[in-house]
């Protein structure tokens, strides 16, 4: 019986801005915690909303901490 190592988590590409990294991490956290297959509907409305909320979170986080994005 062969043993396999679990794959390491993918890293966010370093070419993203700080705001984009925060938005991406927020969206991934939401998907990992609450998402089901229904959240990624074919019409894309919920996916678009998830992306929008991630960007909104990022902007408010940076503003609250006084970081220019």
Protein backbone atom coordinates (compact mmCIF):
# COMPACT_ATOMS: atom_id res chain seq x y z
CA UNK A 1 0.00 0.00 0.00
CA UNK A 2 1.49 3.31 -1.10
CA UNK A 3 1.34 6.35 1.09
CA UNK A 4 0.80 9.75 -0.43
CA UNK A 5 1.57 13.14 0.99
CA UNK A 6 -1.25 15.66 1.04
CA UNK A 7 -0.76 18.46 -1.46
CA UNK A 8 0.29 21.82 -0.12
CA UNK A 9 -2.25 24.61 -0.33
CA UNK A 10 -1.94 26.82 -3.38
CA UNK A 11 -0.43 30.19 -2.72
CA UNK A 12 -1.89 33.42 -3.99
CA UNK A 13 0.24 34.69 -6.86
CA UNK A 14 2.67 37.37 -5.69
CA UNK A 15 1.84 39.65 -8.59
CA UNK A 16 -1.48 40.64 -6.99
CA UNK A 17 -1.80 43.94 -5.20
CA UNK A 18 -2.45 43.97 -1.47
CA UNK A 19 -6.10 44.83 -2.09
CA UNK A 20 -6.48 41.96 -4.57
CA UNK A 21 -4.79 39.52 -2.17
CA UNK A 22 -7.15 40.50 0.65
CA UNK A 23 -10.18 40.15 -1.63
CA UNK A 24 -8.98 36.74 -2.82
CA UNK A 25 -8.30 35.47 0.69
CA UNK A 26 -11.69 36.68 1.89
CA UNK A 27 -13.48 34.96 -0.99
CA UNK A 28 -11.58 31.72 -0.46
CA UNK A 29 -12.38 31.77 3.27
CA UNK A 30 -16.09 32.21 2.50
CA UNK A 31 -16.02 29.39 -0.02
CA UNK A 32 -14.23 27.03 2.35
CA UNK A 33 -16.51 27.77 5.26
CA UNK A 34 -20.03 28.00 3.84
CA UNK A 35 -20.11 27.24 0.12
CA UNK A 36 -22.04 24.48 -1.49
CA UNK A 37 -22.33 23.76 -5.19
CA UNK A 38 -25.33 26.09 -5.40
CA UNK A 39 -23.15 29.13 -4.69
CA UNK A 40 -21.49 28.72 -8.08
CA UNK A 41 -24.64 28.86 -10.16
CA UNK A 42 -24.46 28.74 -13.92
CA UNK A 43 -25.76 32.30 -14.27
CA UNK A 44 -22.84 33.53 -12.16
CA UNK A 45 -24.83 35.99 -10.05
CA UNK A 46 -23.76 34.53 -6.73
CA UNK A 47 -20.17 34.17 -7.88
CA UNK A 48 -20.17 37.83 -8.98
CA UNK A 49 -21.61 38.81 -5.60
CA UNK A 50 -18.90 36.84 -3.78
CA UNK A 51 -16.20 38.65 -5.77
CA UNK A 52 -17.86 42.01 -5.13
CA UNK A 53 -18.06 41.37 -1.39
CA UNK A 54 -14.40 40.34 -1.34
CA UNK A 55 -13.40 43.60 -3.01
CA UNK A 56 -15.64 45.59 -0.67
CA UNK A 57 -14.10 43.87 2.36
CA UNK A 58 -10.61 44.61 1.07
CA UNK A 59 -11.32 48.31 0.52
CA UNK A 60 -12.87 48.75 3.97
CA UNK A 61 -10.09 46.81 5.68
CA UNK A 62 -7.38 48.90 4.06
CA UNK A 63 -9.23 52.14 4.82
CA UNK A 64 -9.74 51.15 8.46
CA UNK A 65 -6.03 50.42 8.85
CA UNK A 66 -4.89 53.52 6.97
CA UNK A 67 -3.21 51.67 4.14
CA UNK A 68 -3.28 53.15 0.65
CA UNK A 69 -4.35 50.50 -1.84
